[in-house]
Amino acid sequence: MTTVPVDVDTLRCAIQEKYTEVAIDPKKSFHFHTGRFAAARFAYDSEAVEGLPDSAVESFAGVGNPFSLGPIHEGETVLDVGSGGGFDSFIAAGKVGTKGKVIGVDMTDEMLDKARGNARLVGMNNVEFRKGYAEDLPLTEQSVDVVISNGVINLCPDKTRVFQEIRRVLKPGGRLMIADIVVQKTVPDAAKENIDLWTG
């Protein structure tokens, strides 16, 4: 068991508060880029992004483009860990087509509400959103072909558990495509214990 230097429940509440703001007031100024500007900055396929309504893009708060790491094929099942308002899930749903499926998992109710509303708005029947944690994914073993995640694993206090869960749900030969923040220096203990530095 990994020792976590912060209280997990307190951390999750702080993260939920931050991303509730992103869901409800996406035009607010944050210390990270959001929406269409962020999607363009990270070189998402412009045609795919332009095909989505503003409400499906405005709360995008990723840190990169997981789709730049390789193809997603028609008919595959994709899991989006930390799906937020659904932006990456909708991009993936366009790639897997009607024979495929995308499952977004997020812990923030406001983001889940927004994602589900956007799925109805765009008429995508091959995407669904479930409440859950990256450390305890609400999926069965070996049930997905691809796991994507964008700027989420860095927020998780027990990263070992997250990767164990990803391995559990991936089919043999499955693929992991993530964009995230990586620190290349040792993080001081004082910083690890500062909950504000964990929240995004």
N, C-alpha and C. Protein backbone atom coordinates (compact mmCIF):
# COMPACT_ATOMS: atom_id res chain seq x y z
N MET A 1 0.84 -1.18 0.00
CA MET A 1 0.00 0.00 0.00
C MET A 1 0.88 1.25 0.00
N THR A 2 0.59 2.16 -0.93
CA THR A 2 1.36 3.40 -1.02
C THR A 2 0.95 4.35 0.10
N THR A 3 1.94 4.98 0.75
CA THR A 3 1.64 5.98 1.77
C THR A 3 1.38 7.31 1.08
N VAL A 4 0.22 7.90 1.38
CA VAL A 4 -0.17 9.16 0.75
C VAL A 4 0.05 10.29 1.76
N PRO A 5 0.82 11.33 1.40
CA PRO A 5 1.18 12.37 2.37
C PRO A 5 0.09 13.41 2.64
N VAL A 6 -1.09 13.24 2.06
CA VAL A 6 -2.22 14.14 2.31
C VAL A 6 -3.45 13.30 2.61
N ASP A 7 -4.44 13.93 3.24
CA ASP A 7 -5.69 13.24 3.49
C ASP A 7 -6.45 13.08 2.18
N VAL A 8 -6.74 11.84 1.79
CA VAL A 8 -7.32 11.57 0.48
C VAL A 8 -8.70 12.20 0.31
N ASP A 9 -9.54 12.11 1.34
CA ASP A 9 -10.88 12.69 1.23
C ASP A 9 -10.83 14.20 1.09
N THR A 10 -9.94 14.84 1.84
CA THR A 10 -9.78 16.29 1.75
C THR A 10 -9.28 16.69 0.36
N LEU A 11 -8.32 15.91 -0.15
CA LEU A 11 -7.79 16.18 -1.49
C LEU A 11 -8.87 16.03 -2.54
N ARG A 12 -9.64 14.97 -2.47
CA ARG A 12 -10.70 14.76 -3.47
C ARG A 12 -11.72 15.88 -3.44
N CYS A 13 -12.06 16.35 -2.25
CA CYS A 13 -13.01 17.47 -2.14
C CYS A 13 -12.44 18.73 -2.79
N ALA A 14 -11.16 18.99 -2.57
CA ALA A 14 -10.52 20.17 -3.16
C ALA A 14 -10.50 20.08 -4.68
N ILE A 15 -10.19 18.90 -5.20
CA ILE A 15 -10.18 18.71 -6.66
C ILE A 15 -11.59 18.85 -7.22
N GLN A 16 -12.56 18.26 -6.54
CA GLN A 16 -13.95 18.37 -7.00
C GLN A 16 -14.41 19.82 -7.03
N GLU A 17 -14.03 20.60 -6.02
CA GLU A 17 -14.39 22.02 -5.99
C GLU A 17 -13.80 22.75 -7.20
N LYS A 18 -12.53 22.48 -7.49
CA LYS A 18 -11.87 23.15 -8.61
C LYS A 18 -12.55 22.81 -9.94
N TYR A 19 -12.84 21.52 -10.16
CA TYR A 19 -13.37 21.12 -11.46
C TYR A 19 -14.89 21.31 -11.56
N THR A 20 -15.54 21.50 -10.41
CA THR A 20 -16.93 21.97 -10.44
C THR A 20 -16.96 23.38 -11.03
N GLU A 21 -16.00 24.21 -10.63
CA GLU A 21 -15.88 25.56 -11.20
C GLU A 21 -15.68 25.49 -12.71
N VAL A 22 -14.81 24.60 -13.15
CA VAL A 22 -14.54 24.47 -14.59
C VAL A 22 -15.79 24.04 -15.34
N ALA A 23 -16.61 23.19 -14.72
CA ALA A 23 -17.85 22.74 -15.35
C ALA A 23 -18.89 23.84 -15.41
N ILE A 24 -19.04 24.57 -14.30
CA ILE A 24 -20.12 25.57 -14.19
C ILE A 24 -19.74 26.90 -14.82
N ASP A 25 -18.49 27.30 -14.69
CA ASP A 25 -18.05 28.61 -15.17
C ASP A 25 -16.76 28.47 -15.98
N PRO A 26 -16.84 27.81 -17.15
CA PRO A 26 -15.62 27.52 -17.92
C PRO A 26 -14.89 28.74 -18.47
N LYS A 27 -15.57 29.88 -18.52
CA LYS A 27 -14.92 31.08 -19.04
C LYS A 27 -14.13 31.82 -17.96
N LYS A 28 -14.22 31.35 -16.73
CA LYS A 28 -13.45 31.93 -15.64
C LYS A 28 -11.96 31.72 -15.91
N SER A 29 -11.13 32.56 -15.34
CA SER A 29 -9.68 32.43 -15.52
C SER A 29 -9.13 31.39 -14.54
N PHE A 30 -8.44 30.39 -15.09
CA PHE A 30 -7.80 29.36 -14.29
C PHE A 30 -6.29 29.40 -14.54
N HIS A 31 -5.52 28.67 -13.75
CA HIS A 31 -4.07 28.66 -13.98
C HIS A 31 -3.68 27.64 -15.04
N PHE A 32 -4.68 27.08 -15.74
CA PHE A 32 -4.45 26.17 -16.85
C PHE A 32 -5.37 26.58 -17.99
N HIS A 33 -5.00 26.19 -19.21
CA HIS A 33 -5.79 26.53 -20.39
C HIS A 33 -7.01 25.62 -20.50
N THR A 34 -8.07 26.15 -21.08
CA THR A 34 -9.30 25.39 -21.24
C THR A 34 -9.89 25.60 -22.64
N GLY A 35 -10.88 24.76 -22.95
CA GLY A 35 -11.70 24.95 -24.13
C GLY A 35 -11.00 24.81 -25.47
N ARG A 36 -11.51 25.52 -26.45
CA ARG A 36 -11.00 25.41 -27.82
C ARG A 36 -9.55 25.89 -27.92
N PHE A 37 -9.19 26.88 -27.11
CA PHE A 37 -7.81 27.34 -27.12
C PHE A 37 -6.86 26.20 -26.75
N ALA A 38 -7.21 25.48 -25.68
CA ALA A 38 -6.36 24.36 -25.24
C ALA A 38 -6.33 23.27 -26.30
N ALA A 39 -7.47 22.95 -26.90
CA ALA A 39 -7.52 21.91 -27.92
C ALA A 39 -6.64 22.27 -29.11
N ALA A 40 -6.65 23.53 -29.53
CA ALA A 40 -5.80 23.97 -30.63
C ALA A 40 -4.33 23.94 -30.23
N ARG A 41 -4.05 24.35 -29.01
CA ARG A 41 -2.67 24.37 -28.51
C ARG A 41 -2.06 22.97 -28.50
N PHE A 42 -2.90 21.97 -28.22
CA PHE A 42 -2.41 20.59 -28.15
C PHE A 42 -2.62 19.82 -29.45
N ALA A 43 -2.91 20.55 -30.51
CA ALA A 43 -2.96 20.00 -31.88
C ALA A 43 -3.97 18.87 -32.04
N TYR A 44 -5.15 19.03 -31.45
CA TYR A 44 -6.25 18.11 -31.73
C TYR A 44 -6.69 18.28 -33.18
N ASP A 45 -7.29 17.25 -33.73
CA ASP A 45 -7.82 17.30 -35.09
C ASP A 45 -8.88 18.40 -35.15
N SER A 46 -8.59 19.44 -35.92
CA SER A 46 -9.48 20.61 -35.95
C SER A 46 -10.88 20.28 -36.44
N GLU A 47 -10.97 19.37 -37.39
CA GLU A 47 -12.29 18.99 -37.93
C GLU A 47 -13.14 18.31 -36.85
N ALA A 48 -12.52 17.43 -36.07
CA ALA A 48 -13.24 16.75 -35.00
C ALA A 48 -13.70 17.73 -33.93
N VAL A 49 -12.84 18.68 -33.59
CA VAL A 49 -13.18 19.67 -32.56
C VAL A 49 -14.27 20.61 -33.06
N GLU A 50 -14.15 21.06 -34.29
CA GLU A 50 -15.14 21.99 -34.84
C GLU A 50 -16.51 21.35 -34.95
N GLY A 51 -16.56 20.02 -35.03
CA GLY A 51 -17.84 19.33 -35.12
C GLY A 51 -18.57 19.21 -33.80
N LEU A 52 -17.94 19.65 -32.71
CA LEU A 52 -18.56 19.58 -31.40
C LEU A 52 -19.11 20.95 -30.99
N PRO A 53 -20.25 20.98 -30.30
CA PRO A 53 -20.79 22.26 -29.81
C PRO A 53 -19.92 22.83 -28.70
N ASP A 54 -20.06 24.13 -28.46
CA ASP A 54 -19.24 24.79 -27.45
C ASP A 54 -19.36 24.12 -26.09
N SER A 55 -20.56 23.69 -25.71
CA SER A 55 -20.75 23.11 -24.38
C SER A 55 -19.96 21.81 -24.19
N ALA A 56 -19.60 21.15 -25.30
CA ALA A 56 -18.83 19.91 -25.23
C ALA A 56 -17.32 20.16 -25.23
N VAL A 57 -16.93 21.42 -25.47
CA VAL A 57 -15.50 21.75 -25.56
C VAL A 57 -15.07 22.71 -24.46
N GLU A 58 -15.97 23.58 -24.01
CA GLU A 58 -15.59 24.70 -23.15
C GLU A 58 -14.95 24.29 -21.82
N SER A 59 -15.31 23.12 -21.27
CA SER A 59 -14.74 22.70 -19.99
C SER A 59 -13.55 21.75 -20.14
N PHE A 60 -13.06 21.60 -21.37
CA PHE A 60 -11.86 20.79 -21.59
C PHE A 60 -10.69 21.44 -20.86
N ALA A 61 -10.00 20.65 -20.02
CA ALA A 61 -8.89 21.18 -19.23
C ALA A 61 -7.70 20.22 -19.24
N GLY A 62 -7.46 19.59 -20.38
CA GLY A 62 -6.36 18.64 -20.48
C GLY A 62 -5.01 19.32 -20.54
N VAL A 63 -3.96 18.51 -20.50
CA VAL A 63 -2.60 19.03 -20.53
C VAL A 63 -1.84 18.61 -21.79
N GLY A 64 -2.50 17.89 -22.67
CA GLY A 64 -1.88 17.41 -23.90
C GLY A 64 -2.90 16.70 -24.75
N ASN A 65 -2.42 15.89 -25.69
CA ASN A 65 -3.29 15.20 -26.63
C ASN A 65 -2.96 13.71 -26.64
N PRO A 66 -3.72 12.91 -25.88
CA PRO A 66 -3.43 11.47 -25.84
C PRO A 66 -3.58 10.78 -27.19
N PHE A 67 -4.38 11.36 -28.08
CA PHE A 67 -4.60 10.75 -29.39
C PHE A 67 -3.39 10.87 -30.31
N SER A 68 -2.42 11.69 -29.92
CA SER A 68 -1.19 11.82 -30.72
C SER A 68 -0.29 10.60 -30.55
N LEU A 69 -0.63 9.72 -29.60
CA LEU A 69 0.24 8.58 -29.29
C LEU A 69 -0.03 7.34 -30.14
N GLY A 70 -1.09 7.37 -30.91
CA GLY A 70 -1.39 6.22 -31.75
C GLY A 70 -2.84 6.19 -32.14
N PRO A 71 -3.20 5.29 -33.05
CA PRO A 71 -4.58 5.24 -33.54
C PRO A 71 -5.53 4.56 -32.56
N ILE A 72 -6.78 4.94 -32.65
CA ILE A 72 -7.87 4.22 -32.01
C ILE A 72 -8.74 3.71 -33.15
N HIS A 73 -9.09 2.44 -33.10
CA HIS A 73 -9.71 1.80 -34.25
C HIS A 73 -11.24 1.65 -34.09
N GLU A 74 -11.89 1.59 -35.21
CA GLU A 74 -13.33 1.38 -35.23
C GLU A 74 -13.67 0.08 -34.51
N GLY A 75 -14.70 0.12 -33.68
CA GLY A 75 -15.17 -1.06 -32.98
C GLY A 75 -14.52 -1.32 -31.64
N GLU A 76 -13.50 -0.52 -31.27
CA GLU A 76 -12.83 -0.73 -29.99
C GLU A 76 -13.65 -0.16 -28.83
N THR A 77 -13.33 -0.65 -27.63
CA THR A 77 -13.90 -0.09 -26.40
C THR A 77 -12.82 0.73 -25.72
N VAL A 78 -13.14 1.99 -25.43
CA VAL A 78 -12.18 2.94 -24.87
C VAL A 78 -12.66 3.40 -23.50
N LEU A 79 -11.76 3.45 -22.55
CA LEU A 79 -12.03 4.02 -21.23
C LEU A 79 -11.31 5.35 -21.12
N ASP A 80 -12.04 6.39 -20.72
CA ASP A 80 -11.47 7.71 -20.49
C ASP A 80 -11.45 7.94 -18.98
N VAL A 81 -10.27 7.87 -18.37
CA VAL A 81 -10.12 8.03 -16.92
C VAL A 81 -10.04 9.52 -16.59
N GLY A 82 -11.01 10.00 -15.84
CA GLY A 82 -11.09 11.42 -15.53
C GLY A 82 -11.66 12.18 -16.70
N SER A 83 -12.84 11.78 -17.13
CA SER A 83 -13.42 12.25 -18.39
C SER A 83 -13.95 13.67 -18.36
N GLY A 84 -14.10 14.26 -17.19
CA GLY A 84 -14.54 15.65 -17.12
C GLY A 84 -15.85 15.88 -17.86
N GLY A 85 -15.90 16.96 -18.64
CA GLY A 85 -17.09 17.29 -19.40
C GLY A 85 -17.28 16.47 -20.65
N GLY A 86 -16.37 15.53 -20.91
CA GLY A 86 -16.56 14.57 -21.99
C GLY A 86 -15.81 14.83 -23.28
N PHE A 87 -15.02 15.89 -23.34
CA PHE A 87 -14.37 16.26 -24.60
C PHE A 87 -13.58 15.10 -25.23
N ASP A 88 -12.63 14.54 -24.47
CA ASP A 88 -11.82 13.44 -25.02
C ASP A 88 -12.68 12.21 -25.32
N SER A 89 -13.70 11.99 -24.51
CA SER A 89 -14.60 10.86 -24.76
C SER A 89 -15.32 11.02 -26.09
N PHE A 90 -15.73 12.25 -26.40
CA PHE A 90 -16.43 12.48 -27.66
C PHE A 90 -15.49 12.33 -28.86
N ILE A 91 -14.25 12.78 -28.70
CA ILE A 91 -13.26 12.58 -29.77
C ILE A 91 -13.06 11.08 -29.99
N ALA A 92 -12.92 10.33 -28.90
CA ALA A 92 -12.73 8.87 -29.01
C ALA A 92 -13.95 8.21 -29.61
N ALA A 93 -15.15 8.66 -29.25
CA ALA A 93 -16.38 8.07 -29.77
C ALA A 93 -16.47 8.23 -31.28
N GLY A 94 -15.97 9.35 -31.78
CA GLY A 94 -15.94 9.53 -33.23
C GLY A 94 -15.00 8.56 -33.91
N LYS A 95 -13.97 8.15 -33.22
CA LYS A 95 -12.99 7.23 -33.80
C LYS A 95 -13.47 5.77 -33.76
N VAL A 96 -14.16 5.36 -32.68
CA VAL A 96 -14.58 3.96 -32.56
C VAL A 96 -15.84 3.68 -33.36
N GLY A 97 -16.60 4.72 -33.70
CA GLY A 97 -17.80 4.55 -34.51
C GLY A 97 -18.93 3.84 -33.77
N THR A 98 -19.98 3.55 -34.50
CA THR A 98 -21.18 2.96 -33.89
C THR A 98 -20.95 1.54 -33.40
N LYS A 99 -19.93 0.86 -33.90
CA LYS A 99 -19.63 -0.50 -33.44
C LYS A 99 -18.77 -0.51 -32.18
N GLY A 100 -18.24 0.63 -31.82
CA GLY A 100 -17.39 0.73 -30.64
C GLY A 100 -18.12 1.37 -29.47
N LYS A 101 -17.38 1.56 -28.38
CA LYS A 101 -17.98 2.12 -27.17
C LYS A 101 -16.92 2.90 -26.40
N VAL A 102 -17.35 4.00 -25.78
CA VAL A 102 -16.48 4.79 -24.93
C VAL A 102 -17.14 4.92 -23.56
N ILE A 103 -16.36 4.68 -22.52
CA ILE A 103 -16.84 4.82 -21.15
C ILE A 103 -15.99 5.88 -20.47
N GLY A 104 -16.62 6.96 -20.04
CA GLY A 104 -15.93 8.00 -19.29
C GLY A 104 -16.18 7.81 -17.81
N VAL A 105 -15.13 7.93 -17.02
CA VAL A 105 -15.25 7.81 -15.56
C VAL A 105 -14.73 9.10 -14.93
N ASP A 106 -15.55 9.67 -14.04
CA ASP A 106 -15.15 10.89 -13.35
C ASP A 106 -15.76 10.89 -11.96
N MET A 107 -15.17 11.66 -11.04
CA MET A 107 -15.67 11.69 -9.66
C MET A 107 -16.46 12.95 -9.34
N THR A 108 -16.56 13.88 -10.30
CA THR A 108 -17.20 15.16 -10.04
C THR A 108 -18.59 15.19 -10.68
N ASP A 109 -19.61 15.33 -9.84
CA ASP A 109 -21.00 15.25 -10.31
C ASP A 109 -21.31 16.27 -11.39
N GLU A 110 -20.82 17.50 -11.22
CA GLU A 110 -21.13 18.55 -12.19
C GLU A 110 -20.52 18.24 -13.55
N MET A 111 -19.34 17.67 -13.56
CA MET A 111 -18.72 17.27 -14.82
C MET A 111 -19.50 16.11 -15.46
N LEU A 112 -19.92 15.16 -14.65
CA LEU A 112 -20.70 14.04 -15.17
C LEU A 112 -22.03 14.53 -15.75
N ASP A 113 -22.69 15.44 -15.06
CA ASP A 113 -23.96 16.00 -15.57
C ASP A 113 -23.73 16.69 -16.91
N LYS A 114 -22.65 17.45 -16.98
CA LYS A 114 -22.35 18.17 -18.23
C LYS A 114 -22.04 17.19 -19.35
N ALA A 115 -21.24 16.17 -19.06
CA ALA A 115 -20.87 15.18 -20.08
C ALA A 115 -22.10 14.44 -20.59
N ARG A 116 -22.97 14.02 -19.68
CA ARG A 116 -24.18 13.31 -20.09
C ARG A 116 -25.10 14.19 -20.91
N GLY A 117 -25.22 15.46 -20.52
CA GLY A 117 -26.02 16.39 -21.31
C GLY A 117 -25.45 16.61 -22.69
N ASN A 118 -24.12 16.70 -22.77
CA ASN A 118 -23.47 16.87 -24.07
C ASN A 118 -23.63 15.64 -24.95
N ALA A 119 -23.60 14.45 -24.34
CA ALA A 119 -23.80 13.22 -25.12
C ALA A 119 -25.19 13.22 -25.76
N ARG A 120 -26.19 13.66 -25.00
CA ARG A 120 -27.55 13.76 -25.57
C ARG A 120 -27.59 14.82 -26.66
N LEU A 121 -26.92 15.94 -26.41
CA LEU A 121 -26.93 17.05 -27.36
C LEU A 121 -26.33 16.65 -28.70
N VAL A 122 -25.22 15.92 -28.67
CA VAL A 122 -24.56 15.54 -29.92
C VAL A 122 -25.09 14.22 -30.48
N GLY A 123 -25.97 13.56 -29.74
CA GLY A 123 -26.59 12.32 -30.22
C GLY A 123 -25.65 11.15 -30.31
N MET A 124 -24.66 11.10 -29.42
CA MET A 124 -23.73 9.98 -29.42
C MET A 124 -24.24 8.89 -28.49
N ASN A 125 -24.68 7.78 -29.08
CA ASN A 125 -25.20 6.66 -28.30
C ASN A 125 -24.13 5.65 -27.93
N ASN A 126 -22.90 5.88 -28.39
CA ASN A 126 -21.81 4.94 -28.12
C ASN A 126 -20.89 5.42 -27.00
N VAL A 127 -21.36 6.37 -26.19
CA VAL A 127 -20.57 6.88 -25.08
C VAL A 127 -21.44 6.95 -23.83
N GLU A 128 -20.86 6.55 -22.69
CA GLU A 128 -21.58 6.65 -21.42
C GLU A 128 -20.61 7.15 -20.36
N PHE A 129 -21.17 7.71 -19.30
CA PHE A 129 -20.35 8.29 -18.24
C PHE A 129 -20.76 7.70 -16.89
N ARG A 130 -19.74 7.24 -16.15
CA ARG A 130 -19.95 6.60 -14.85
C ARG A 130 -19.20 7.36 -13.77
N LYS A 131 -19.80 7.40 -12.59
CA LYS A 131 -19.11 8.01 -11.46
C LYS A 131 -18.15 7.00 -10.85
N GLY A 132 -16.94 7.45 -10.55
CA GLY A 132 -15.96 6.57 -9.95
C GLY A 132 -14.62 7.25 -9.80
N TYR A 133 -13.70 6.53 -9.17
CA TYR A 133 -12.35 7.01 -8.94
C TYR A 133 -11.36 6.23 -9.80
N ALA A 134 -10.28 6.89 -10.16
CA ALA A 134 -9.24 6.22 -10.95
C ALA A 134 -8.63 5.06 -10.18
N GLU A 135 -8.65 5.14 -8.85
CA GLU A 135 -8.09 4.08 -8.01
C GLU A 135 -9.05 2.91 -7.82
N ASP A 136 -10.28 3.05 -8.29
CA ASP A 136 -11.30 2.01 -8.12
C ASP A 136 -12.28 2.10 -9.28
N LEU A 137 -11.82 1.71 -10.45
CA LEU A 137 -12.59 1.91 -11.68
C LEU A 137 -13.84 1.02 -11.71
N PRO A 138 -14.99 1.57 -12.06
CA PRO A 138 -16.24 0.81 -12.09
C PRO A 138 -16.41 0.01 -13.39
N LEU A 139 -15.42 -0.86 -13.68
CA LEU A 139 -15.44 -1.69 -14.87
C LEU A 139 -14.96 -3.08 -14.51
N THR A 140 -15.34 -4.05 -15.33
CA THR A 140 -14.91 -5.42 -15.10
C THR A 140 -13.50 -5.64 -15.65
N GLU A 141 -12.89 -6.73 -15.23
CA GLU A 141 -11.54 -7.06 -15.68
C GLU A 141 -11.49 -7.30 -17.18
N GLN A 142 -10.39 -6.85 -17.78
CA GLN A 142 -10.10 -7.09 -19.19
C GLN A 142 -11.30 -6.76 -20.09
N SER A 143 -11.84 -5.55 -19.90
CA SER A 143 -13.05 -5.18 -20.64
C SER A 143 -12.84 -4.06 -21.65
N VAL A 144 -11.64 -3.45 -21.70
CA VAL A 144 -11.42 -2.34 -22.64
C VAL A 144 -10.17 -2.56 -23.47
N ASP A 145 -10.20 -2.02 -24.68
CA ASP A 145 -9.06 -2.12 -25.60
C ASP A 145 -8.03 -1.01 -25.37
N VAL A 146 -8.53 0.17 -25.02
CA VAL A 146 -7.68 1.34 -24.87
C VAL A 146 -8.10 2.13 -23.64
N VAL A 147 -7.11 2.59 -22.87
CA VAL A 147 -7.36 3.54 -21.79
C VAL A 147 -6.70 4.85 -22.17
N ILE A 148 -7.50 5.93 -22.13
CA ILE A 148 -6.95 7.27 -22.32
C ILE A 148 -7.13 8.05 -21.02
N SER A 149 -6.28 9.03 -20.82
CA SER A 149 -6.41 9.92 -19.67
C SER A 149 -5.63 11.18 -19.98
N ASN A 150 -6.15 12.32 -19.49
CA ASN A 150 -5.55 13.60 -19.87
C ASN A 150 -5.49 14.53 -18.66
N GLY A 151 -4.30 14.62 -18.08
CA GLY A 151 -4.09 15.55 -16.98
C GLY A 151 -4.78 15.15 -15.69
N VAL A 152 -4.95 13.86 -15.47
CA VAL A 152 -5.72 13.37 -14.33
C VAL A 152 -4.86 12.57 -13.35
N ILE A 153 -4.01 11.71 -13.85
CA ILE A 153 -3.25 10.83 -12.96
C ILE A 153 -2.35 11.63 -12.02
N ASN A 154 -1.88 12.79 -12.46
CA ASN A 154 -1.06 13.62 -11.57
C ASN A 154 -1.85 14.12 -10.37
N LEU A 155 -3.18 14.14 -10.47
CA LEU A 155 -4.03 14.57 -9.36
C LEU A 155 -4.32 13.45 -8.36
N CYS A 156 -4.01 12.23 -8.73
CA CYS A 156 -4.36 11.07 -7.91
C CYS A 156 -3.27 10.81 -6.86
N PRO A 157 -3.66 10.67 -5.60
CA PRO A 157 -2.64 10.47 -4.57
C PRO A 157 -1.95 9.11 -4.61
N ASP A 158 -2.66 8.08 -5.06
CA ASP A 158 -2.07 6.73 -5.09
C ASP A 158 -1.93 6.28 -6.55
N LYS A 159 -0.84 6.71 -7.16
CA LYS A 159 -0.65 6.44 -8.58
C LYS A 159 -0.39 4.96 -8.86
N THR A 160 0.23 4.28 -7.91
CA THR A 160 0.44 2.84 -8.08
C THR A 160 -0.90 2.14 -8.23
N ARG A 161 -1.84 2.49 -7.38
CA ARG A 161 -3.18 1.89 -7.44
C ARG A 161 -3.87 2.23 -8.77
N VAL A 162 -3.70 3.44 -9.24
CA VAL A 162 -4.31 3.83 -10.52
C VAL A 162 -3.81 2.93 -11.65
N PHE A 163 -2.51 2.73 -11.71
CA PHE A 163 -1.95 1.90 -12.78
C PHE A 163 -2.32 0.42 -12.61
N GLN A 164 -2.49 -0.02 -11.38
CA GLN A 164 -2.98 -1.39 -11.16
C GLN A 164 -4.40 -1.54 -11.69
N GLU A 165 -5.21 -0.54 -11.48
CA GLU A 165 -6.60 -0.58 -11.97
C GLU A 165 -6.64 -0.52 -13.49
N ILE A 166 -5.81 0.31 -14.08
CA ILE A 166 -5.75 0.38 -15.54
C ILE A 166 -5.34 -0.98 -16.11
N ARG A 167 -4.35 -1.59 -15.51
CA ARG A 167 -3.92 -2.91 -15.97
C ARG A 167 -5.04 -3.93 -15.83
N ARG A 168 -5.81 -3.83 -14.74
CA ARG A 168 -6.90 -4.78 -14.49
C ARG A 168 -7.97 -4.72 -15.57
N VAL A 169 -8.32 -3.51 -16.00
CA VAL A 169 -9.44 -3.38 -16.94
C VAL A 169 -9.03 -3.53 -18.40
N LEU A 170 -7.73 -3.39 -18.68
CA LEU A 170 -7.27 -3.54 -20.07
C LEU A 170 -7.28 -5.00 -20.50
N LYS A 171 -7.70 -5.24 -21.73
CA LYS A 171 -7.61 -6.57 -22.32
C LYS A 171 -6.13 -6.89 -22.59
N PRO A 172 -5.77 -8.16 -22.68
CA PRO A 172 -4.40 -8.50 -23.08
C PRO A 172 -4.05 -7.81 -24.41
N GLY A 173 -2.92 -7.16 -24.43
CA GLY A 173 -2.52 -6.42 -25.62
C GLY A 173 -3.15 -5.05 -25.72
N GLY A 174 -3.92 -4.65 -24.70
CA GLY A 174 -4.55 -3.34 -24.69
C GLY A 174 -3.53 -2.21 -24.61
N ARG A 175 -3.98 -1.00 -24.87
CA ARG A 175 -3.07 0.15 -24.97
C ARG A 175 -3.44 1.23 -23.97
N LEU A 176 -2.42 1.90 -23.47
CA LEU A 176 -2.58 3.04 -22.57
C LEU A 176 -2.04 4.28 -23.26
N MET A 177 -2.88 5.30 -23.39
CA MET A 177 -2.50 6.53 -24.07
C MET A 177 -2.83 7.70 -23.14
N ILE A 178 -1.81 8.24 -22.49
CA ILE A 178 -2.07 9.32 -21.53
C ILE A 178 -1.25 10.56 -21.85
N ALA A 179 -1.83 11.69 -21.50
CA ALA A 179 -1.12 12.97 -21.48
C ALA A 179 -1.17 13.44 -20.03
N ASP A 180 -0.03 13.80 -19.49
CA ASP A 180 -0.03 14.20 -18.08
C ASP A 180 1.19 15.05 -17.76
N ILE A 181 1.22 15.53 -16.54
CA ILE A 181 2.33 16.34 -16.05
C ILE A 181 3.31 15.42 -15.33
N VAL A 182 4.58 15.55 -15.68
CA VAL A 182 5.61 14.72 -15.06
C VAL A 182 6.68 15.63 -14.47
N VAL A 183 7.03 15.37 -13.22
CA VAL A 183 8.08 16.14 -12.55
C VAL A 183 9.37 15.34 -12.63
N GLN A 184 10.44 15.98 -13.06
CA GLN A 184 11.71 15.27 -13.24
C GLN A 184 12.68 15.48 -12.08
N LYS A 185 12.27 16.26 -11.09
CA LYS A 185 13.09 16.45 -9.90
C LYS A 185 12.38 15.83 -8.70
N THR A 186 13.11 15.53 -7.67
CA THR A 186 12.51 15.04 -6.43
C THR A 186 11.66 16.13 -5.82
N VAL A 187 10.42 15.78 -5.47
CA VAL A 187 9.51 16.75 -4.87
C VAL A 187 9.76 16.80 -3.36
N PRO A 188 10.02 17.98 -2.81
CA PRO A 188 10.25 18.08 -1.36
C PRO A 188 9.04 17.62 -0.56
N ASP A 189 9.28 17.08 0.63
CA ASP A 189 8.19 16.60 1.47
C ASP A 189 7.18 17.70 1.78
N ALA A 190 7.67 18.92 1.99
CA ALA A 190 6.76 20.03 2.30
C ALA A 190 5.79 20.28 1.15
N ALA A 191 6.27 20.13 -0.08
CA ALA A 191 5.40 20.31 -1.24
C ALA A 191 4.40 19.17 -1.34
N LYS A 192 4.83 17.95 -1.06
CA LYS A 192 3.93 16.80 -1.10
C LYS A 192 2.78 16.95 -0.10
N GLU A 193 3.06 17.63 1.00
CA GLU A 193 2.06 17.78 2.05
C GLU A 193 1.17 19.00 1.84
N ASN A 194 1.45 19.81 0.82
CA ASN A 194 0.66 21.00 0.53
C ASN A 194 -0.47 20.64 -0.41
N ILE A 195 -1.68 20.56 0.11
CA ILE A 195 -2.80 20.06 -0.67
C ILE A 195 -3.12 20.95 -1.87
N ASP A 196 -2.84 22.25 -1.76
CA ASP A 196 -3.12 23.16 -2.88
C ASP A 196 -2.30 22.79 -4.12
N LEU A 197 -1.12 22.22 -3.91
CA LEU A 197 -0.26 21.84 -5.04
C LEU A 197 -0.73 20.56 -5.71
N TRP A 198 -1.66 19.85 -5.10
CA TRP A 198 -2.18 18.60 -5.67
C TRP A 198 -3.39 18.84 -6.56
N THR A 199 -4.00 20.01 -6.49
CA THR A 199 -5.33 20.18 -7.08
C THR A 199 -5.33 20.67 -8.53
N GLY A 200 -4.22 20.66 -9.20
CA GLY A 200 -4.25 20.98 -10.62
C GLY A 200 -3.40 22.14 -10.97
